[in-house]
């Protein structure tokens, strides 16, 4: 059954409270970090519009049952798409970290302790990048892991590595290229959440 846009608008207008109900229910059950409530309402409204377009009173039961299901599904889909827990987990008040219990009344802030030229954000990002690379290297198979560690962390020359591993220089380059491909795939999988 094809529903006119006026019918869809009427159903959406009459049932907007369902969106707020589902958003409140979701927020009571799950943590969404720094996502705004209005973002969840937007996703819920998309679900409500989809339900209004799909509802056929002859085939299914009440509209509110279908709408609640569609709203909840769209909220979940929106949260999965937009929320980045690794960003939320790394959000910490630096002022709280430097103020101990004995200095609870202190007005000293973290930003006051920094020098003018210090790039805190850059340093944090660099540290997170290094940690991700080290973690990806640790997951490599043993021969590739040893080669990458010796070549890049210990600055061993290719000729010395070739002799140590019993390979030609070309063999070292080929194994290194294979290991770097595996690292690139592992890191892009962590960043995007899917294989390249």
N, C-alpha and C. Protein backbone atom coordinates (compact mmCIF):
# COMPACT_ATOMS: atom_id res chain seq x y z
N UNK A 1 0.84 -1.18 0.00
CA UNK A 1 0.00 0.00 0.00
C UNK A 1 0.88 1.24 0.00
N UNK A 2 0.69 2.08 -0.95
CA UNK A 2 1.45 3.33 -1.07
C UNK A 2 0.75 4.42 -0.29
N UNK A 3 1.46 5.00 0.68
CA UNK A 3 0.88 6.02 1.55
C UNK A 3 1.27 7.41 1.04
N UNK A 4 0.34 8.34 1.05
CA UNK A 4 0.64 9.70 0.60
C UNK A 4 1.53 10.40 1.63
N UNK A 5 2.23 11.43 1.19
CA UNK A 5 3.12 12.17 2.08
C UNK A 5 2.34 12.86 3.20
N UNK A 6 1.10 13.24 2.94
CA UNK A 6 0.27 13.85 3.99
C UNK A 6 -0.04 12.84 5.09
N UNK A 7 -0.32 11.58 4.70
CA UNK A 7 -0.57 10.54 5.69
C UNK A 7 0.70 10.26 6.50
N UNK A 8 1.83 10.24 5.81
CA UNK A 8 3.10 10.01 6.50
C UNK A 8 3.35 11.13 7.50
N UNK A 9 3.19 12.37 7.09
CA UNK A 9 3.40 13.52 7.98
C UNK A 9 2.45 13.47 9.17
N UNK A 10 1.21 13.09 8.92
CA UNK A 10 0.23 13.00 10.01
C UNK A 10 0.66 11.94 11.01
N UNK A 11 1.04 10.75 10.53
CA UNK A 11 1.48 9.68 11.44
C UNK A 11 2.72 10.10 12.23
N UNK A 12 3.65 10.75 11.56
CA UNK A 12 4.88 11.19 12.24
C UNK A 12 4.53 12.23 13.31
N UNK A 13 3.70 13.19 12.97
CA UNK A 13 3.33 14.24 13.92
C UNK A 13 2.59 13.65 15.13
N UNK A 14 1.68 12.72 14.89
CA UNK A 14 0.89 12.14 15.98
C UNK A 14 1.73 11.24 16.89
N UNK A 15 2.84 10.71 16.38
CA UNK A 15 3.60 9.71 17.14
C UNK A 15 5.01 10.16 17.51
N UNK A 16 5.26 11.46 17.50
CA UNK A 16 6.59 11.95 17.86
C UNK A 16 6.98 11.61 19.30
N UNK A 17 6.00 11.46 20.15
CA UNK A 17 6.29 11.12 21.55
C UNK A 17 6.96 9.75 21.66
N UNK A 18 6.69 8.88 20.71
CA UNK A 18 7.33 7.56 20.70
C UNK A 18 8.85 7.70 20.53
N UNK A 19 9.28 8.67 19.74
CA UNK A 19 10.71 8.89 19.54
C UNK A 19 11.35 9.29 20.86
N UNK A 20 10.76 10.23 21.57
CA UNK A 20 11.33 10.67 22.85
C UNK A 20 11.30 9.54 23.87
N UNK A 21 10.25 8.74 23.86
CA UNK A 21 10.16 7.59 24.75
C UNK A 21 11.30 6.62 24.48
N UNK A 22 11.53 6.30 23.19
CA UNK A 22 12.58 5.35 22.83
C UNK A 22 13.97 5.91 23.13
N UNK A 23 14.17 7.21 22.91
CA UNK A 23 15.46 7.83 23.22
C UNK A 23 15.72 7.77 24.72
N UNK A 24 14.74 8.13 25.53
CA UNK A 24 14.91 8.07 26.99
C UNK A 24 15.20 6.64 27.44
N UNK A 25 14.50 5.70 26.87
CA UNK A 25 14.70 4.29 27.20
C UNK A 25 16.12 3.85 26.84
N UNK A 26 16.59 4.26 25.67
CA UNK A 26 17.94 3.91 25.23
C UNK A 26 18.99 4.53 26.14
N UNK A 27 18.81 5.80 26.49
CA UNK A 27 19.79 6.49 27.33
C UNK A 27 19.85 5.91 28.74
N UNK A 28 18.74 5.35 29.23
CA UNK A 28 18.75 4.72 30.55
C UNK A 28 19.50 3.40 30.52
N UNK A 29 19.50 2.75 29.37
CA UNK A 29 20.09 1.42 29.27
C UNK A 29 21.54 1.43 28.81
N UNK A 30 21.93 2.42 27.99
CA UNK A 30 23.25 2.40 27.37
C UNK A 30 23.96 3.73 27.52
N UNK A 31 25.29 3.65 27.57
CA UNK A 31 26.15 4.83 27.63
C UNK A 31 26.51 5.23 26.21
N UNK A 32 26.34 6.49 25.85
CA UNK A 32 26.65 6.95 24.50
C UNK A 32 27.74 8.02 24.49
N UNK A 33 28.49 8.12 25.53
CA UNK A 33 29.60 9.06 25.56
C UNK A 33 29.16 10.49 25.40
N UNK A 34 29.81 11.19 24.48
CA UNK A 34 29.54 12.61 24.29
C UNK A 34 28.51 12.88 23.19
N UNK A 35 27.79 11.87 22.76
CA UNK A 35 26.74 12.09 21.75
C UNK A 35 25.61 12.90 22.38
N UNK A 36 25.07 13.81 21.62
CA UNK A 36 23.98 14.65 22.08
C UNK A 36 22.66 13.90 22.00
N UNK A 37 21.75 14.23 22.90
CA UNK A 37 20.41 13.63 22.90
C UNK A 37 19.69 13.93 21.59
N UNK A 38 19.91 15.13 21.07
CA UNK A 38 19.26 15.53 19.83
C UNK A 38 19.69 14.67 18.64
N UNK A 39 20.93 14.17 18.69
CA UNK A 39 21.37 13.25 17.63
C UNK A 39 20.53 11.98 17.65
N UNK A 40 20.29 11.47 18.85
CA UNK A 40 19.48 10.26 18.98
C UNK A 40 18.04 10.53 18.53
N UNK A 41 17.52 11.72 18.87
CA UNK A 41 16.16 12.07 18.44
C UNK A 41 16.10 12.12 16.91
N UNK A 42 17.12 12.67 16.29
CA UNK A 42 17.15 12.74 14.82
C UNK A 42 17.11 11.35 14.21
N UNK A 43 17.93 10.45 14.76
CA UNK A 43 17.93 9.07 14.24
C UNK A 43 16.57 8.43 14.48
N UNK A 44 15.98 8.67 15.63
CA UNK A 44 14.67 8.11 15.93
C UNK A 44 13.59 8.63 14.98
N UNK A 45 13.67 9.91 14.63
CA UNK A 45 12.70 10.47 13.69
C UNK A 45 12.83 9.83 12.31
N UNK A 46 14.04 9.53 11.91
CA UNK A 46 14.24 8.83 10.64
C UNK A 46 13.54 7.47 10.69
N UNK A 47 13.71 6.77 11.81
CA UNK A 47 13.03 5.48 11.97
C UNK A 47 11.52 5.63 11.96
N UNK A 48 11.01 6.69 12.58
CA UNK A 48 9.56 6.92 12.61
C UNK A 48 9.02 7.18 11.20
N UNK A 49 9.73 7.96 10.41
CA UNK A 49 9.31 8.23 9.03
C UNK A 49 9.31 6.93 8.22
N UNK A 50 10.34 6.12 8.39
CA UNK A 50 10.39 4.84 7.68
C UNK A 50 9.21 3.95 8.07
N UNK A 51 8.89 3.93 9.35
CA UNK A 51 7.76 3.12 9.82
C UNK A 51 6.45 3.65 9.25
N UNK A 52 6.31 4.97 9.20
CA UNK A 52 5.08 5.57 8.66
C UNK A 52 4.90 5.22 7.19
N UNK A 53 6.01 5.16 6.47
CA UNK A 53 5.92 4.82 5.04
C UNK A 53 5.66 3.32 4.85
N UNK A 54 6.16 2.49 5.73
CA UNK A 54 6.06 1.04 5.55
C UNK A 54 4.79 0.44 6.14
N UNK A 55 4.11 1.12 7.04
CA UNK A 55 2.99 0.53 7.78
C UNK A 55 1.80 0.28 6.87
N UNK A 56 1.30 -0.92 6.96
CA UNK A 56 0.09 -1.32 6.23
C UNK A 56 -0.89 -1.84 7.27
N UNK A 57 -1.96 -1.10 7.59
CA UNK A 57 -2.88 -1.52 8.65
C UNK A 57 -3.57 -2.85 8.37
N UNK A 58 -3.64 -3.23 7.11
CA UNK A 58 -4.29 -4.49 6.78
C UNK A 58 -3.40 -5.69 7.07
N UNK A 59 -2.08 -5.50 6.98
CA UNK A 59 -1.16 -6.62 7.16
C UNK A 59 -0.60 -6.71 8.57
N UNK A 60 -0.43 -5.62 9.23
CA UNK A 60 0.22 -5.66 10.55
C UNK A 60 -0.70 -5.10 11.62
N UNK A 61 -0.23 -5.24 12.84
CA UNK A 61 -1.01 -4.77 13.99
C UNK A 61 -0.98 -3.27 14.12
N UNK A 62 -0.79 -2.81 15.33
CA UNK A 62 -0.84 -1.37 15.59
C UNK A 62 0.41 -0.68 15.05
N UNK A 63 0.25 0.58 14.69
CA UNK A 63 1.36 1.37 14.18
C UNK A 63 2.43 1.57 15.24
N UNK A 64 2.02 1.76 16.48
CA UNK A 64 3.00 2.06 17.53
C UNK A 64 3.99 0.91 17.73
N UNK A 65 3.53 -0.33 17.55
CA UNK A 65 4.44 -1.48 17.69
C UNK A 65 5.52 -1.43 16.62
N UNK A 66 5.12 -1.23 15.38
CA UNK A 66 6.07 -1.13 14.28
C UNK A 66 6.97 0.09 14.45
N UNK A 67 6.40 1.22 14.86
CA UNK A 67 7.16 2.45 15.01
C UNK A 67 8.23 2.31 16.10
N UNK A 68 7.87 1.72 17.24
CA UNK A 68 8.85 1.56 18.32
C UNK A 68 10.02 0.70 17.86
N UNK A 69 9.70 -0.36 17.14
CA UNK A 69 10.76 -1.24 16.65
C UNK A 69 11.66 -0.48 15.67
N UNK A 70 11.07 0.25 14.72
CA UNK A 70 11.85 0.98 13.71
C UNK A 70 12.67 2.11 14.35
N UNK A 71 12.09 2.81 15.30
CA UNK A 71 12.80 3.90 15.98
C UNK A 71 14.00 3.34 16.74
N UNK A 72 13.78 2.28 17.50
CA UNK A 72 14.88 1.67 18.25
C UNK A 72 16.00 1.19 17.35
N UNK A 73 15.63 0.57 16.23
CA UNK A 73 16.62 0.08 15.29
C UNK A 73 17.45 1.23 14.71
N UNK A 74 16.79 2.33 14.36
CA UNK A 74 17.52 3.46 13.78
C UNK A 74 18.41 4.16 14.82
N UNK A 75 17.97 4.21 16.06
CA UNK A 75 18.81 4.79 17.11
C UNK A 75 20.08 3.96 17.27
N UNK A 76 19.91 2.65 17.32
CA UNK A 76 21.07 1.76 17.46
C UNK A 76 22.00 1.92 16.27
N UNK A 77 21.44 1.96 15.07
CA UNK A 77 22.25 2.12 13.86
C UNK A 77 22.99 3.45 13.89
N UNK A 78 22.32 4.51 14.31
CA UNK A 78 22.96 5.82 14.38
C UNK A 78 24.08 5.87 15.40
N UNK A 79 23.86 5.27 16.55
CA UNK A 79 24.91 5.25 17.58
C UNK A 79 26.11 4.46 17.09
N UNK A 80 25.86 3.31 16.49
CA UNK A 80 26.98 2.52 15.96
C UNK A 80 27.75 3.27 14.90
N UNK A 81 27.05 4.06 14.12
CA UNK A 81 27.69 4.79 13.04
C UNK A 81 28.46 6.00 13.54
N UNK A 82 27.92 6.72 14.50
CA UNK A 82 28.48 8.00 14.92
C UNK A 82 29.37 7.96 16.15
N UNK A 83 29.09 7.06 17.09
CA UNK A 83 29.83 7.10 18.35
C UNK A 83 31.16 6.42 18.21
N UNK A 84 32.21 7.07 18.65
CA UNK A 84 33.56 6.54 18.60
C UNK A 84 34.03 6.33 20.04
N UNK A 85 33.88 5.11 20.57
CA UNK A 85 34.22 4.89 21.98
C UNK A 85 35.68 5.14 22.30
N UNK A 86 36.59 4.92 21.32
CA UNK A 86 37.99 5.17 21.61
C UNK A 86 38.25 6.64 21.87
N UNK A 87 37.48 7.53 21.21
CA UNK A 87 37.61 8.96 21.50
C UNK A 87 37.01 9.30 22.85
N UNK A 88 35.86 8.70 23.15
CA UNK A 88 35.20 8.97 24.43
C UNK A 88 36.05 8.46 25.58
N UNK A 89 36.70 7.31 25.39
CA UNK A 89 37.50 6.72 26.46
C UNK A 89 38.75 7.55 26.73
N UNK A 90 39.26 8.26 25.73
CA UNK A 90 40.48 9.04 25.93
C UNK A 90 40.19 10.47 26.38
N UNK A 91 38.92 10.80 26.57
CA UNK A 91 38.58 12.14 27.04
C UNK A 91 38.64 12.17 28.56
N UNK A 92 39.62 12.86 29.07
CA UNK A 92 39.85 12.93 30.51
C UNK A 92 40.16 14.38 30.84
N UNK A 93 39.66 14.83 31.97
CA UNK A 93 39.99 16.17 32.41
C UNK A 93 41.42 16.17 32.95
N UNK A 94 42.29 16.89 32.30
CA UNK A 94 43.67 16.94 32.74
C UNK A 94 43.80 17.69 34.06
N UNK A 95 42.86 18.61 34.31
CA UNK A 95 42.88 19.32 35.58
C UNK A 95 42.65 18.35 36.73
N UNK A 96 41.76 17.36 36.53
CA UNK A 96 41.50 16.38 37.58
C UNK A 96 42.73 15.50 37.84
N UNK A 97 43.51 15.24 36.79
CA UNK A 97 44.69 14.39 36.94
C UNK A 97 45.78 15.05 37.78
N UNK A 98 45.94 16.37 37.67
CA UNK A 98 47.03 17.01 38.40
C UNK A 98 46.62 17.43 39.80
N UNK A 99 45.33 17.50 40.07
CA UNK A 99 44.87 17.93 41.39
C UNK A 99 44.63 16.68 42.22
N UNK A 100 45.46 16.48 43.23
CA UNK A 100 45.28 15.36 44.13
C UNK A 100 44.30 15.72 45.23
N UNK A 101 44.03 14.76 46.10
CA UNK A 101 43.09 15.01 47.20
C UNK A 101 43.61 16.08 48.15
N UNK A 102 44.94 16.13 48.30
CA UNK A 102 45.49 17.10 49.23
C UNK A 102 45.42 18.52 48.66
N UNK A 103 45.23 18.64 47.32
CA UNK A 103 45.17 19.96 46.70
C UNK A 103 43.76 20.27 46.20
N UNK A 104 42.77 19.71 46.85
CA UNK A 104 41.39 19.85 46.36
C UNK A 104 40.97 21.31 46.23
N UNK A 105 41.49 22.19 47.06
CA UNK A 105 41.11 23.60 47.00
C UNK A 105 41.99 24.41 46.06
N UNK A 106 42.98 23.77 45.45
CA UNK A 106 43.91 24.47 44.58
C UNK A 106 43.23 24.97 43.31
N UNK A 107 43.62 26.15 42.83
CA UNK A 107 43.05 26.72 41.61
C UNK A 107 44.01 26.52 40.43
N UNK A 108 45.09 25.75 40.63
CA UNK A 108 46.05 25.53 39.55
C UNK A 108 45.45 24.61 38.50
N UNK A 109 45.62 25.00 37.24
CA UNK A 109 45.06 24.21 36.15
C UNK A 109 46.19 23.65 35.31
N UNK A 110 45.87 22.59 34.59
CA UNK A 110 46.85 21.93 33.73
C UNK A 110 47.39 22.89 32.68
N UNK A 111 46.52 23.67 32.08
CA UNK A 111 46.92 24.58 31.02
C UNK A 111 47.94 25.61 31.52
N UNK A 112 47.89 25.94 32.81
CA UNK A 112 48.83 26.90 33.38
C UNK A 112 50.23 26.30 33.52
N UNK A 113 50.33 24.97 33.55
CA UNK A 113 51.61 24.31 33.72
C UNK A 113 52.35 24.11 32.40
N UNK A 114 51.69 24.32 31.28
CA UNK A 114 52.29 24.09 29.97
C UNK A 114 53.12 25.28 29.53
N UNK A 115 54.18 24.98 28.79
CA UNK A 115 54.93 26.06 28.19
C UNK A 115 54.19 26.49 26.93
N UNK A 116 54.44 27.68 26.46
CA UNK A 116 53.73 28.22 25.31
C UNK A 116 53.91 27.41 24.04
N UNK A 117 55.08 26.81 23.84
CA UNK A 117 55.37 26.10 22.60
C UNK A 117 54.95 24.63 22.65
N UNK A 118 54.55 24.13 23.78
CA UNK A 118 54.26 22.71 23.93
C UNK A 118 52.98 22.33 23.18
N UNK A 119 53.09 21.29 22.34
CA UNK A 119 51.95 20.80 21.54
C UNK A 119 51.42 19.54 22.21
N UNK A 120 50.53 19.71 23.18
CA UNK A 120 50.02 18.58 23.96
C UNK A 120 49.20 17.65 23.08
N UNK A 121 48.33 18.22 22.26
CA UNK A 121 47.49 17.38 21.40
C UNK A 121 48.35 16.55 20.45
N UNK A 122 49.35 17.19 19.86
CA UNK A 122 50.25 16.48 18.94
C UNK A 122 50.99 15.36 19.66
N UNK A 123 51.45 15.63 20.88
CA UNK A 123 52.15 14.62 21.65
C UNK A 123 51.25 13.45 22.02
N UNK A 124 50.01 13.75 22.39
CA UNK A 124 49.06 12.68 22.71
C UNK A 124 48.75 11.83 21.49
N UNK A 125 48.51 12.49 20.37
CA UNK A 125 48.20 11.75 19.13
C UNK A 125 49.39 10.90 18.71
N UNK A 126 50.60 11.46 18.83
CA UNK A 126 51.80 10.71 18.49
C UNK A 126 51.94 9.47 19.38
N UNK A 127 51.66 9.66 20.67
CA UNK A 127 51.73 8.53 21.60
C UNK A 127 50.71 7.45 21.28
N UNK A 128 49.49 7.87 20.93
CA UNK A 128 48.45 6.90 20.57
C UNK A 128 48.81 6.17 19.28
N UNK A 129 49.41 6.89 18.33
CA UNK A 129 49.82 6.28 17.07
C UNK A 129 50.91 5.26 17.32
N UNK A 130 51.90 5.62 18.12
CA UNK A 130 52.98 4.68 18.44
C UNK A 130 52.44 3.43 19.13
N UNK A 131 51.50 3.61 20.04
CA UNK A 131 50.92 2.46 20.74
C UNK A 131 50.17 1.56 19.77
N UNK A 132 49.45 2.14 18.83
CA UNK A 132 48.72 1.34 17.85
C UNK A 132 49.68 0.57 16.95
N UNK A 133 50.76 1.22 16.53
CA UNK A 133 51.75 0.55 15.67
C UNK A 133 52.43 -0.58 16.44
N UNK A 134 52.84 -0.31 17.68
CA UNK A 134 53.50 -1.36 18.48
C UNK A 134 52.57 -2.55 18.69
N UNK A 135 51.31 -2.29 18.93
CA UNK A 135 50.34 -3.36 19.12
C UNK A 135 50.17 -4.17 17.83
N UNK A 136 50.13 -3.48 16.68
CA UNK A 136 50.00 -4.19 15.40
C UNK A 136 51.25 -4.99 15.09
N UNK A 137 52.43 -4.47 15.43
CA UNK A 137 53.68 -5.21 15.22
C UNK A 137 53.69 -6.47 16.08
N UNK A 138 53.21 -6.36 17.30
CA UNK A 138 53.19 -7.52 18.21
C UNK A 138 52.31 -8.64 17.68
N UNK A 139 51.32 -8.32 16.84
CA UNK A 139 50.43 -9.34 16.29
C UNK A 139 50.97 -10.00 15.02
N UNK A 140 52.08 -9.49 14.49
CA UNK A 140 52.67 -10.10 13.29
C UNK A 140 53.22 -11.48 13.61
N UNK A 141 53.33 -12.36 12.60
CA UNK A 141 54.02 -13.64 12.82
C UNK A 141 55.46 -13.40 13.25
N UNK A 142 56.03 -14.32 13.98
CA UNK A 142 57.34 -14.13 14.60
C UNK A 142 58.44 -13.67 13.63
N UNK A 143 58.64 -14.30 12.46
CA UNK A 143 59.74 -13.84 11.59
C UNK A 143 59.57 -12.39 11.12
N UNK A 144 58.33 -12.01 10.73
CA UNK A 144 58.09 -10.64 10.29
C UNK A 144 58.22 -9.66 11.44
N UNK A 145 57.72 -10.06 12.63
CA UNK A 145 57.82 -9.18 13.80
C UNK A 145 59.30 -8.91 14.13
N UNK A 146 60.11 -9.97 14.13
CA UNK A 146 61.54 -9.82 14.44
C UNK A 146 62.21 -8.90 13.42
N UNK A 147 61.89 -9.07 12.15
CA UNK A 147 62.49 -8.24 11.11
C UNK A 147 62.12 -6.77 11.30
N UNK A 148 60.84 -6.48 11.53
CA UNK A 148 60.41 -5.09 11.71
C UNK A 148 61.03 -4.49 12.96
N UNK A 149 61.06 -5.23 14.05
CA UNK A 149 61.65 -4.71 15.29
C UNK A 149 63.13 -4.40 15.12
N UNK A 150 63.86 -5.35 14.49
CA UNK A 150 65.30 -5.14 14.31
C UNK A 150 65.58 -3.99 13.33
N UNK A 151 64.79 -3.92 12.26
CA UNK A 151 65.04 -2.91 11.21
C UNK A 151 64.63 -1.51 11.65
N UNK A 152 63.45 -1.37 12.26
CA UNK A 152 62.93 -0.03 12.56
C UNK A 152 63.12 0.42 14.00
N UNK A 153 63.08 -0.50 14.96
CA UNK A 153 63.24 -0.09 16.35
C UNK A 153 64.70 -0.07 16.77
N UNK A 154 65.49 -1.00 16.18
CA UNK A 154 66.90 -1.09 16.57
C UNK A 154 67.84 -0.54 15.50
N UNK A 155 67.32 -0.08 14.37
CA UNK A 155 68.09 0.50 13.26
C UNK A 155 69.22 -0.39 12.76
N UNK A 156 68.95 -1.68 12.64
CA UNK A 156 69.94 -2.62 12.11
C UNK A 156 69.94 -2.47 10.59
N UNK A 157 71.11 -2.32 9.96
CA UNK A 157 71.17 -2.19 8.50
C UNK A 157 70.70 -3.45 7.78
N UNK A 158 70.27 -3.29 6.54
CA UNK A 158 69.73 -4.41 5.76
C UNK A 158 70.78 -5.50 5.58
N UNK A 159 72.03 -5.12 5.31
CA UNK A 159 73.09 -6.12 5.10
C UNK A 159 73.28 -6.98 6.35
N UNK A 160 73.28 -6.35 7.52
CA UNK A 160 73.44 -7.10 8.77
C UNK A 160 72.23 -8.01 9.01
N UNK A 161 71.04 -7.52 8.69
CA UNK A 161 69.84 -8.34 8.84
C UNK A 161 69.87 -9.54 7.90
N UNK A 162 70.31 -9.32 6.67
CA UNK A 162 70.39 -10.41 5.70
C UNK A 162 71.31 -11.51 6.21
N UNK A 163 72.43 -11.11 6.75
CA UNK A 163 73.38 -12.10 7.29
C UNK A 163 72.79 -12.80 8.51
N UNK A 164 72.18 -12.05 9.38
CA UNK A 164 71.59 -12.60 10.61
C UNK A 164 70.47 -13.59 10.32
N UNK A 165 69.64 -13.27 9.32
CA UNK A 165 68.48 -14.11 9.01
C UNK A 165 68.79 -15.19 7.97
N UNK A 166 69.98 -15.15 7.40
CA UNK A 166 70.35 -16.14 6.39
C UNK A 166 69.61 -15.91 5.08
N UNK A 167 69.37 -14.64 4.75
CA UNK A 167 68.67 -14.27 3.52
C UNK A 167 69.55 -13.35 2.69
N UNK A 168 69.20 -13.20 1.43
CA UNK A 168 69.85 -12.19 0.61
C UNK A 168 69.23 -10.83 0.98
N UNK A 169 69.85 -9.76 0.51
CA UNK A 169 69.28 -8.43 0.74
C UNK A 169 67.89 -8.34 0.13
N UNK A 170 67.77 -8.92 -1.09
CA UNK A 170 66.47 -8.92 -1.76
C UNK A 170 65.44 -9.67 -0.93
N UNK A 171 65.85 -10.78 -0.30
CA UNK A 171 64.94 -11.55 0.56
C UNK A 171 64.47 -10.73 1.75
N UNK A 172 65.39 -9.93 2.32
CA UNK A 172 65.03 -9.07 3.44
C UNK A 172 64.03 -8.01 2.99
N UNK A 173 64.28 -7.41 1.81
CA UNK A 173 63.35 -6.40 1.29
C UNK A 173 61.97 -6.99 1.01
N UNK A 174 61.93 -8.19 0.46
CA UNK A 174 60.64 -8.83 0.17
C UNK A 174 59.88 -9.13 1.45
N UNK A 175 60.59 -9.69 2.45
CA UNK A 175 59.93 -10.00 3.72
C UNK A 175 59.49 -8.72 4.43
N UNK A 176 60.30 -7.68 4.32
CA UNK A 176 59.95 -6.39 4.92
C UNK A 176 58.70 -5.83 4.25
N UNK A 177 58.64 -5.88 2.91
CA UNK A 177 57.47 -5.37 2.19
C UNK A 177 56.22 -6.15 2.59
N UNK A 178 56.34 -7.47 2.73
CA UNK A 178 55.20 -8.30 3.14
C UNK A 178 54.75 -7.92 4.56
N UNK A 179 55.69 -7.73 5.45
CA UNK A 179 55.35 -7.36 6.84
C UNK A 179 54.69 -5.98 6.89
N UNK A 180 55.20 -5.04 6.09
CA UNK A 180 54.61 -3.69 6.08
C UNK A 180 53.19 -3.73 5.51
N UNK A 181 52.94 -4.59 4.52
CA UNK A 181 51.59 -4.74 3.99
C UNK A 181 50.65 -5.27 5.07
N UNK A 182 51.12 -6.26 5.83
CA UNK A 182 50.30 -6.81 6.93
C UNK A 182 50.03 -5.75 7.98
N UNK A 183 51.04 -4.95 8.30
CA UNK A 183 50.86 -3.87 9.28
C UNK A 183 49.85 -2.84 8.78
N UNK A 184 49.98 -2.45 7.52
CA UNK A 184 49.06 -1.48 6.94
C UNK A 184 47.62 -1.99 7.01
N UNK A 185 47.44 -3.28 6.69
CA UNK A 185 46.09 -3.87 6.74
C UNK A 185 45.56 -3.89 8.18
N UNK A 186 46.41 -4.27 9.13
CA UNK A 186 45.98 -4.33 10.53
C UNK A 186 45.62 -2.94 11.05
N UNK A 187 46.42 -1.93 10.72
CA UNK A 187 46.15 -0.58 11.20
C UNK A 187 44.91 0.02 10.54
N UNK A 188 44.72 -0.22 9.25
CA UNK A 188 43.51 0.32 8.61
C UNK A 188 42.28 -0.39 9.13
N UNK A 189 42.41 -1.65 9.52
CA UNK A 189 41.28 -2.39 10.12
C UNK A 189 40.92 -1.76 11.47
N UNK A 190 41.93 -1.36 12.23
CA UNK A 190 41.65 -0.72 13.54
C UNK A 190 41.01 0.65 13.37
N UNK A 191 41.45 1.38 12.37
CA UNK A 191 40.94 2.74 12.16
C UNK A 191 39.52 2.72 11.63
N UNK A 192 39.29 1.93 10.58
CA UNK A 192 37.98 1.94 9.92
C UNK A 192 37.03 0.90 10.45
N UNK A 193 37.55 -0.15 11.10
CA UNK A 193 36.69 -1.22 11.60
C UNK A 193 36.36 -2.25 10.54
N UNK A 194 36.98 -2.15 9.35
CA UNK A 194 36.75 -3.14 8.32
C UNK A 194 38.03 -3.33 7.52
N UNK A 195 38.10 -4.45 6.81
CA UNK A 195 39.29 -4.78 6.05
C UNK A 195 39.44 -3.82 4.87
N UNK A 196 40.70 -3.53 4.47
CA UNK A 196 40.92 -2.61 3.36
C UNK A 196 40.47 -3.20 2.04
